[in-house]
Amino acid sequence: MSIAVVDERSGETFQLDVPGADALYAFNHPYAYIGSEMADRALAA
């Protein structure tokens, strides 16, 4: 299962692959599922 994230402020988009059992949590908290490389970019914004 995957979840698409769109940051309307910055225009950045990314897609997360998450286990189906975690889909609702990932939808509500997508930044909890990003990897360290993407986290560095997200925190810099």
Protein backbone atom coordinates (compact mmCIF):
# COMPACT_ATOMS: atom_id res chain seq x y z
CA MET A 1 0.00 0.00 0.00
CA SER A 2 1.22 3.52 -0.64
CA ILE A 3 0.28 7.00 0.50
CA ALA A 4 0.97 10.16 -1.51
CA VAL A 5 1.90 13.29 0.46
CA VAL A 6 1.60 16.81 -0.94
CA ASP A 7 2.94 19.79 1.00
CA GLU A 8 0.76 22.61 -0.27
CA ARG A 9 3.05 25.25 1.19
CA SER A 10 6.29 24.11 -0.49
CA GLY A 11 4.79 22.15 -3.38
CA GLU A 12 6.93 19.12 -2.50
CA THR A 13 5.39 15.71 -3.03
CA PHE A 14 6.47 12.20 -2.15
CA GLN A 15 5.02 8.73 -1.90
CA LEU A 16 5.37 6.33 1.02
CA ASP A 17 5.13 2.56 0.91
CA VAL A 18 3.57 1.35 4.15
CA PRO A 19 2.21 -1.96 5.39
CA GLY A 20 -1.57 -2.15 4.99
CA ALA A 21 -2.05 -2.55 8.74
CA ASP A 22 -0.31 0.83 9.28
CA ALA A 23 -2.08 2.72 6.48
CA LEU A 24 -4.40 4.82 8.67
CA TYR A 25 -1.59 5.82 11.03
CA ALA A 26 0.68 6.67 8.10
CA PHE A 27 -2.10 8.73 6.52
CA ASN A 28 -2.53 10.73 9.72
CA HIS A 29 1.22 10.98 10.47
CA PRO A 30 3.09 10.66 7.15
CA TYR A 31 6.31 12.25 8.39
CA ALA A 32 6.68 9.41 10.91
CA TYR A 33 7.31 7.09 7.93
CA ILE A 34 9.86 9.03 5.90
CA GLY A 35 13.47 7.88 5.81
CA SER A 36 16.34 9.87 7.29
CA GLU A 37 17.33 11.37 3.92
CA MET A 38 13.84 12.76 3.37
CA ALA A 39 13.55 13.83 7.04
CA ASP A 40 16.57 16.10 6.64
CA ARG A 41 14.90 17.84 3.69
CA ALA A 42 11.54 18.07 5.48
CA LEU A 43 13.10 19.61 8.58
CA ALA A 44 15.03 22.13 6.49
CA ALA A 45 11.80 23.52 4.99
